[in-house]
C-alpha cells in the first residue's frame, strides 16, 4: 500500500470513528469520591417501606460506597409527583449524582403509559441538567403470574428512556429481589434483607459503570 492510500485509509477510519461517536453517545462516567452527595429519588421502594428506617437501600448504599445518599423516596409517589418534587430538591442542594427509581405506582394504578414515559423522560432531563451522572433504576412490570413463579422482569420503557436521554440504565435489581419471596415484606416491597440486596446490586452495577 502506498503512502497516499494509507493516508486515505486513516482519514476514512477517523471519520468513521467520529460518526460512530456522534451517533452513539454514552453517559459520562466518573468515579465519585467518598463523601459525594447522591440524590435517591423514588417511591416506597426507595423510602424502604416494609423495613426499618435504617434499612432502606439508600442508607445501605451509603455504607457500601462512602457516599452521602440522600433518601428522597416517598411512599405512594408517582412519576408526576417525583417530577414536581425534583425542581425544589435540585434548587435546594447540589448533587454529584442522581439515582431515579419511580413509576411502579403509575403501573399499579393503570396510568396512561405515555404520560408515565413522558414524566420519566422529563425527570431524567432535569436531573442531567444538574449533573451528567444520572442512573435510572428499572422497576418490574406488575405481573402477578410472573411474581408468583419468581420471574419478574423490568418494564421495557426504562431502557428506552435511559437510552434516549443518555442516562445510565440500572436493570434487573428490583426485579431480581422482588422475585424472591424470602426478600419481600409483601407482594411489592422488599424486607430489610431485600433492601440490603438492592444496595449490594446497585453498588456492583455502579462500579461496573465507572461510578466507583
Protein backbone atom coordinates (compact mmCIF):
# COMPACT_ATOMS: atom_id res chain seq x y z
CA UNK A 1 0.00 0.00 0.00
CA UNK A 2 1.45 3.39 -1.00
CA UNK A 3 1.58 6.42 1.28
CA UNK A 4 -1.39 8.16 -0.39
CA UNK A 5 -3.64 5.14 0.03
CA UNK A 6 -2.53 4.70 3.63
CA UNK A 7 -3.35 8.34 4.45
CA UNK A 8 -6.73 7.97 2.79
CA UNK A 9 -7.48 4.84 4.82
CA UNK A 10 -6.51 6.57 8.06
CA UNK A 11 -8.69 9.57 7.23
CA UNK A 12 -11.66 7.35 6.43
CA UNK A 13 -11.18 5.43 9.67
CA UNK A 14 -11.05 8.65 11.68
CA UNK A 15 -14.22 9.90 10.05
CA UNK A 16 -15.99 6.64 10.79
CA UNK A 17 -14.98 6.84 14.44
CA UNK A 18 -16.26 10.40 14.73
CA UNK A 19 -19.57 9.50 13.13
CA UNK A 20 -19.92 6.49 15.37
CA UNK A 21 -19.26 8.62 18.42
CA UNK A 22 -21.83 11.20 17.33
CA UNK A 23 -24.42 8.57 16.62
CA UNK A 24 -23.96 6.64 19.87
CA UNK A 25 -23.15 8.78 22.85
CA UNK A 26 -22.93 7.19 26.27
CA UNK A 27 -23.39 8.77 29.69
CA UNK A 28 -20.30 10.39 31.17
CA UNK A 29 -18.88 8.13 33.88
CA UNK A 30 -16.52 9.44 36.51
CA UNK A 31 -15.68 7.87 39.83
CA UNK A 32 -17.46 9.59 42.70
CA UNK A 33 -15.23 10.44 45.62
CA UNK A 34 -16.02 9.27 49.15
CA UNK A 35 -18.40 11.81 50.64
CA UNK A 36 -20.00 12.61 47.27
CA UNK A 37 -23.66 13.57 47.59
CA UNK A 38 -26.10 11.37 45.70
CA UNK A 39 -29.84 12.00 45.43
CA UNK A 40 -32.07 8.92 45.54
CA UNK A 41 -35.42 9.98 44.06
CA UNK A 42 -38.21 7.43 44.18
CA UNK A 43 -41.24 5.91 45.79
CA UNK A 44 -41.78 3.38 48.59
CA UNK A 45 -39.04 1.08 47.31
CA UNK A 46 -36.58 3.93 47.82
CA UNK A 47 -38.17 5.02 51.11
CA UNK A 48 -37.71 1.47 52.43
CA UNK A 49 -41.36 0.56 53.03
CA UNK A 50 -41.56 -2.84 54.68
CA UNK A 51 -38.38 -2.45 56.74
CA UNK A 52 -36.97 -0.21 59.44
CA UNK A 53 -35.91 3.38 58.68
CA UNK A 54 -32.23 2.43 58.72
CA UNK A 55 -32.75 -0.50 56.34
CA UNK A 56 -33.71 1.46 53.20
CA UNK A 57 -31.30 0.84 50.33
CA UNK A 58 -30.02 4.47 50.17
CA UNK A 59 -28.71 4.09 53.72
CA UNK A 60 -27.14 0.73 52.88
CA UNK A 61 -25.63 2.12 49.68
CA UNK A 62 -24.04 4.92 51.71
CA UNK A 63 -22.39 2.33 53.93
CA UNK A 64 -21.08 0.36 50.95
CA UNK A 65 -19.72 3.32 48.99
CA UNK A 66 -18.84 6.09 51.43
CA UNK A 67 -21.18 8.44 49.57
CA UNK A 68 -23.84 10.54 51.25
CA UNK A 69 -27.00 9.13 49.69
CA UNK A 70 -29.97 11.40 50.38
CA UNK A 71 -33.17 9.38 50.59
CA UNK A 72 -35.99 11.22 48.82
CA UNK A 73 -38.23 8.21 48.48
CA UNK A 74 -41.91 8.93 49.11
CA UNK A 75 -44.48 6.22 49.75
CA UNK A 76 -47.11 6.18 47.02
CA UNK A 77 -45.31 8.66 44.79
CA UNK A 78 -45.84 8.66 41.04
CA UNK A 79 -43.77 9.89 38.13
CA UNK A 80 -45.70 13.17 38.11
CA UNK A 81 -45.22 13.65 41.84
CA UNK A 82 -41.49 12.97 41.58
CA UNK A 83 -41.19 15.38 38.67
CA UNK A 84 -42.94 18.08 40.67
CA UNK A 85 -40.70 17.47 43.68
CA UNK A 86 -37.45 17.38 41.75
CA UNK A 87 -37.16 21.07 40.91
CA UNK A 88 -37.23 22.09 44.55
CA UNK A 89 -34.77 19.37 45.55
CA UNK A 90 -32.27 20.46 42.91
CA UNK A 91 -32.69 24.12 43.80
CA UNK A 92 -32.01 23.45 47.49
CA UNK A 93 -28.93 21.26 47.16
CA UNK A 94 -26.06 20.35 44.85
CA UNK A 95 -25.78 16.66 43.99
CA UNK A 96 -22.85 14.87 42.39
CA UNK A 97 -25.12 12.13 41.02
CA UNK A 98 -28.81 11.25 40.93
CA UNK A 99 -30.48 7.83 41.06
CA UNK A 100 -34.09 7.71 39.86
CA UNK A 101 -36.38 4.82 40.75
CA UNK A 102 -40.01 5.68 40.01
CA UNK A 103 -43.11 4.61 38.05
CA UNK A 104 -44.11 1.47 39.94
CA UNK A 105 -47.22 3.20 41.27
CA UNK A 106 -48.03 4.53 37.80
CA UNK A 107 -48.15 0.96 36.52
CA UNK A 108 -50.07 -0.38 39.52
CA UNK A 109 -52.71 2.34 39.11
CA UNK A 110 -53.05 1.86 35.38
CA UNK A 111 -51.95 5.36 34.47
CA UNK A 112 -51.52 6.09 30.74
CA UNK A 113 -48.19 4.62 29.70
CA UNK A 114 -47.22 7.59 27.51
CA UNK A 115 -47.72 10.01 30.40
CA UNK A 116 -45.52 7.82 32.58
CA UNK A 117 -42.82 7.70 29.91
CA UNK A 118 -43.00 11.44 29.31
CA UNK A 119 -42.73 12.18 33.03
CA UNK A 120 -39.76 9.85 33.47
CA UNK A 121 -38.00 11.40 30.48
CA UNK A 122 -38.61 14.88 31.92
CA UNK A 123 -37.19 13.78 35.29
CA UNK A 124 -34.05 12.46 33.63
CA UNK A 125 -33.59 15.59 31.51
CA UNK A 126 -33.95 17.82 34.55
CA UNK A 127 -31.56 15.64 36.52
CA UNK A 128 -28.98 15.64 33.72
CA UNK A 129 -29.13 19.41 33.54
CA UNK A 130 -27.97 19.32 37.17
CA UNK A 131 -25.30 16.59 36.84
CA UNK A 132 -24.22 14.29 33.98
CA UNK A 133 -24.28 11.27 36.27
CA UNK A 134 -27.87 10.08 36.36
CA UNK A 135 -28.92 6.47 36.80
CA UNK A 136 -32.38 5.04 36.09
CA UNK A 137 -33.31 2.07 38.28
CA UNK A 138 -35.79 -0.07 36.36
CA UNK A 139 -38.90 -1.32 38.15
CA UNK A 140 -40.60 -4.59 37.21
CA UNK A 141 -43.90 -4.59 35.42
CA UNK A 142 -46.72 -5.65 37.82
CA UNK A 143 -47.43 -9.15 36.55
CA UNK A 144 -48.96 -11.34 39.30
CA UNK A 145 -48.35 -14.61 37.46
CA UNK A 146 -44.67 -13.83 36.93
CA UNK A 147 -44.37 -12.71 40.55
CA UNK A 148 -45.92 -15.96 41.71
CA UNK A 149 -43.29 -18.04 39.93
CA UNK A 150 -40.41 -15.73 40.88
CA UNK A 151 -39.77 -14.42 37.39
CA UNK A 152 -40.41 -10.68 37.36
CA UNK A 153 -38.88 -8.59 34.59
CA UNK A 154 -38.28 -4.87 34.12
CA UNK A 155 -40.85 -2.76 32.28
CA UNK A 156 -39.38 -2.16 28.82
CA UNK A 157 -39.76 1.62 28.79
CA UNK A 158 -36.92 2.16 31.28
CA UNK A 159 -34.33 1.03 28.76
CA UNK A 160 -35.93 3.18 26.06
CA UNK A 161 -35.95 6.33 28.21
CA UNK A 162 -32.42 5.79 29.53
CA UNK A 163 -31.08 5.39 26.00
CA UNK A 164 -32.98 8.38 24.62
CA UNK A 165 -31.98 10.67 27.49
CA UNK A 166 -28.38 9.38 27.78
CA UNK A 167 -28.72 8.16 31.35
CA UNK A 168 -27.28 5.03 32.89
CA UNK A 169 -29.77 2.16 32.90
CA UNK A 170 -29.60 0.05 36.08
CA UNK A 171 -31.59 -3.07 35.19
CA UNK A 172 -32.88 -6.15 36.97
CA UNK A 173 -32.26 -5.01 40.54
CA UNK A 174 -35.77 -4.64 41.91
CA UNK A 175 -36.98 -7.43 39.63
CA UNK A 176 -34.42 -9.89 40.98
CA UNK A 177 -35.06 -9.03 44.62
CA UNK A 178 -38.87 -8.93 44.39
CA UNK A 179 -38.90 -12.27 42.56
CA UNK A 180 -37.63 -13.91 45.75
CA UNK A 181 -40.36 -14.33 48.37
CA UNK A 182 -37.73 -14.55 51.12
CA UNK A 183 -36.63 -10.98 50.29
CA UNK A 184 -40.14 -9.43 50.30
CA UNK A 185 -42.23 -7.93 53.10
CA UNK A 186 -45.33 -8.10 50.91
CA UNK A 187 -46.01 -8.72 47.24
CA UNK A 188 -44.49 -5.42 46.02
CA UNK A 189 -41.99 -4.34 48.70
CA UNK A 190 -38.71 -5.71 49.96
CA UNK A 191 -37.83 -6.52 53.55
CA UNK A 192 -34.62 -5.49 55.33
CA UNK A 193 -32.65 -8.33 53.73
CA UNK A 194 -34.11 -7.45 50.35
CA UNK A 195 -33.13 -3.79 50.58
CA UNK A 196 -29.62 -4.84 51.56
CA UNK A 197 -29.54 -6.93 48.39
CA UNK A 198 -30.78 -3.96 46.35
CA UNK A 199 -27.95 -1.81 47.73
CA UNK A 200 -25.37 -4.52 47.02
CA UNK A 201 -26.53 -4.95 43.42
CA UNK A 202 -26.64 -1.19 42.86
CA UNK A 203 -23.10 -0.85 44.21
CA UNK A 204 -21.90 -3.58 41.86
CA UNK A 205 -23.58 -2.11 38.79
CA UNK A 206 -22.39 1.41 39.59
CA UNK A 207 -18.86 0.14 40.00
CA UNK A 208 -19.06 -1.59 36.62
CA UNK A 209 -20.30 1.69 35.11
CA UNK A 210 -17.31 3.60 36.48
CA UNK A 211 -19.09 5.47 39.27
CA UNK A 212 -16.87 3.79 41.90
